[in-house]
Amino acid sequence: MQHNLFKVLLFGLFFSGLISCWSENSARESKRPLRVFAAASLTSAMPAVAEAFQKKFEDAQVEFNFAASSILAKQIEQGADADIYLSANIQWLQYLMKKKKIQQDSQGIFLSNELVLVTSKKSQRNLTGLEDLLSSDVVRIALADWSHVPAGIYAKIALERAGIWEKIKPKCIPALDVRAALAYVERGDVDYALVYRTDAAISKNILISGSLPKEIQPDIQYSAATTPNSTHPLSAAFLSFLKSPTAKRIFRESGFIIPESEPGE
């Protein structure tokens, strides 16, 4: 009888210790920043979204790593400590899913965007259509690197649909990401750039030369997901918050398009 009682007490102490360790680890995780790896084109909008999220969850801290979606995907693949991945295209998220670096049931589309052609405010150029880019007066055009950066991939698709990609390719300068392409125009290093409308809206030194016709606009979709190694208790809550009325308002004010098929919070 005493032997059995000793076993019960010992098991109770052991179980209590496990609960205590779990509670301490959970508390430690909740105090560390939620690490969000986000596409460069989200740089302007996400800090306001994070601020609103932190008001809702008072103990929350959000830490961002902004870069091209492709670069972020490679970082996550190589073991970077990310909780959330926000990609400017679905292909890089699917790439990570195949590598088992994305929580399979967590991914979803939350934003859309569109491409515009921009030039410097100092420029006296006046385009009537994309074909004008073939003119000898146009020497350099900046695109995000079309070999792997979503903004560049989308730009290449649009120019292919317009039937001018092969002719215009020698003029195209690959940039690190869409913000770098925008910076080339601002500095006067190139004549034009194809960038997201949301990036064009933040610059005071560029002009939108024109929107692309709907028939050549790519289907630009932003996807979000958690990583399988994320143990932060607010990871799922942050993903849900991206579709909340508050976040949608911030995204709309930044020029993003909210997919009609995505319900609110």
Foldseek 3Di string as FASTA:
>chain_A
DVVVVVVVVVVVVVVVVVVVVVVVVQVVLQQDAQEEEEEQLCVVQVVVLQVVVCVVVVSYHHDYDYFFLQVVLVCLLVPDDHFKYKHFDVVSVVVCVVSQFFDVPFKDWWWWWWKFKKAFPPDPDADPDPVCCLDPVFQAEEFAACVGGVRRVQVLQLCVQVVCNVSNVVRYDHDRYQLRRVVCRQVVVGGMYMHTPLSVVVDPGMDGNGGRDPVSIDTTTMMMTTTPPRPRPCSSVSSLSCQAPVNVVSCVVSPIGGDPPDDHD
